[in-house]
Each structure stands twice: as C-alpha cells, then as structure tokens.
C-alpha cells in the first residue's frame, strides 16, 4: 500500500506533470485576469456614459432654466410702470445698461457666436460673403452698414441674409427702387461712406482696400508713398497708387490671409470707379498727395467710429453711459463674459451715482486718438512706470497731450483710470491698458486668423522638414 502511494506521488511530482500543472494554472490565471480587465473596462465605459448623460441633462436643464428666467425678466421689465422707472437709481440704470443693446435670446446668442467664429477664423472672401446683403445683377456688394458689421463682433446678420444668401436686385429698376428706399432711410444720417460710394455699394475690392486702410497706421502709408514718389514731388498717379495699395495690402494680416476666388467672383483687383474717382477725378488723371490720403484715412476712421458709437444707442444729448463705454473698449478683446464683467464692476465701485454723467461722441473720438498713437503711448508710459511714484491722472493727461496733441476731458480720464485700476489702488494698470487697447485699435484685424491647433501642426511640420533636411545634408 505504501509502495502504491509512493509510486503515485512520484508520478504526480514528476517534472512533466509539474510543468503541465504550471502551464494550466498560468493559462487559467491569464484568462481570469483578461476577463477581469474586460469587466473593469466595461464598467468604466458604463460609468462614463452615465456620467456624461447626467452632465448633459443637467447642463441642458440649466441652460433652459437660464433662458426661461431671462425671458421672464424681460417680460417683467416691459410691464414696469412709469413710477417704478422713476424710482430706479442711476446706478441701477447703469447696471441695466451693461449691454449696449437688448440681450438676445438663446437661439440668437448661438447664431451670433457662430457668425463671430466665422469672422474670426475665415478668409476675407468668406467674411465678405457672410456680411454682404446685396446681389446686384449677379455681383455681390456690401452696404456701409454691412462693412461695419463685418468688423464688429456680437452683431447678428439680418434674417435670411447669412452666408451666400443675398437680396437679389436683378434689374436696373429693382436697384433704383432699393436705392431710393435706402436714401430715405439714411436721410439726415449721411456719413463719409456716401462720399466714397455714391451708389451706396462696396465691391469686394473696395472691402479689401478699406480693411487695409483701417488696419495700417498712417505712417506706413506715408513711408510707402515716399518709396514710390521717385521724383520727390510729393504726389502719386493712379498707377503708382495702385502699386502702393498692393504692397501695403500684402503686408497686412488681412492681405496675407486672402486668396482670390474666381468662382465666387471675389478677386481683389483695382478699387472701384467711385473710390478711384474720389482720389483721382472722373478722368483718372489727377494726382494724389499724402496729405489728401491721410485726410481720407481720418474721415474714414471717424465714419466707422460714428457707426460703432450709434450701435450703443446714445441718448438725445448724443451720449452713452460709462458702462457702455466699457463695452465699447472691450468690443474686440478676447475676454470672456466674466472677465468683461470685472471691468464693469471696477467702474461701478470707483464712481458714485453722481459721477455717472455719460460720455459724448467727441470724448470717445478724443480717446480713439490715443489708439492711433498707442505704440508711442506705450513707450511714454513705460518711462513713468520706471519712476517710484505712481502715474497720476494729471500726468496721464500730460502724456496724452505730448504724444497726440489732444487734451482729454477730466471725466474721461477718471473713467479710464477706474476701468484699468486692476487692484483698486487708484493707479493705472499700464500692461492691461495697452493690451486691451491694441485689440481695440486693430478691431481684431491684426490677430491670428487660424486656430491654435493649425499653428501647432504648422510648427511641427516646419520642425520635421528642418530635421529631415539636416539629416540629408549629413
């Protein structure tokens, strides 16, 4: 019996049986481990799906609740009595004015956000097709209002006139009827645009030219004028000016982004006859001086500024509130809703109800002059920043007067200091002031027009090409 047990044990403990048992155990253990991993992955996926669904439901419910709450608030404000409106304090009125126009509903906000993305990241050709509203005898045109809307974020296209959708005027009679109605609508509100385009239409070439003008400092045009003024008489012919236009346009972010699209008819050729006639006369044989062009530049910028100012709904005294002025400054900035709210909050905390007396167009125009000399302002403010004492409001006025030749109003300076007082110590935050105004000066036209991912891929491609070239030469 003992011999049998010993024999069985010796068989079980033989190397072959031990190896087979080890392999079987390892196989079973691996199968169980893989099964456990699959179960864990399945559980994780279910948890992720459930969490994502819950977040989506809660997020959707929150958005609908906010939208419903705002609609209710707007409906309630409509039924306020006159007495209740009189009781409202000036500060409450300023808070109500925090948006320049009536807040859009949820659907409008989504459409505006989509159109703003198109304006920010699309080619000039596509932005033109988005904002232009007229198609006259097969050619797409902008009105002056369309042009301002194309460079202004937060403004929605008219219903039914979005990307590649236009009001078609197929006959001369249809255009003449539209022109008559348009002139009635703008009667008494004529701007510099009416001198440039007597037919109230801007072609794609005009659009590109105007973008070039407003995104290029005057001193760059002055330098280009001198380069092409070969005989030194201070004037340019129509042909010479066309060469200046092409060179300056190619050096801007807008011009570098543009590519001609013959399919859509958007080819940046010569400027229209009406613009050319403004510069060189009806026979195109006149000469253009740099002084006349700079005067054109100033009048164009003032006309655009006036249209932007009108969008903020000035009162009967041609004034906007200080809160709207904050929105005006931040119009082209990259700040989100919460960041912009901080600027408005600073102003409300710094100024009392009695000090909120509004800003006129002339005051806003004076402030825009600072934008035209922003680089010089940056250098001058840097000098004061190196001093141990803080920059006072009087010193700021002195810097502006020396750099621009404009004397800013005391109330305007007080408002600017309140907006850019970052830590509440009554001092101007130089860095924030310059960065915000750079965006405002260029109206967003000088920013990168592509996404960060595209720039990353471009950098990676450039780096890889360089490495490969180095390897080949090795």
Foldseek 3Di string as FASTA:
>chain_A
DVVVVVVVVCVCPPPVNVVVVVVVVVVVVVVVVVVVVVVVVVVVVVVVVVVVVVVVVVVVVVLVVVLVVVVVVVVVVVPDDPVVVVVDFLLNVLVVLLDLDPDDGPVLVVQLVVLVLCLQFPALVQLQQFQFAEQEQNATWHFPVSLLVSLFGPDHHPPQRGHNGHDYHNDPVSLVVVQVVVCVVCVVPDAPVCQQDVSRTFHLLNSLLLLLLLQDFLVLLVVLQVVLPVVPPQKDAPVSVQVSSLVSSCPALNSVRDDDDVVSPNDNDDGDQSNCCVAANNVSGRIHGSVVVVVVSVRSVLRSLVVLLVSSPADPVQFHWLSVVLCLLQRQPPDDPVVSVVLSVLLSVQDDSVLGPTDHSVLVVLVLLCLSQLVQLLVVVVVVVPDPDAQALVNSQVSSCVRRVDRHDPSSSSSQQSSQVPPPPSGHPSVVSSVSSPSSSSSSRRDDNHDPVVVVVVVVVVVVVVVVVVVVVD
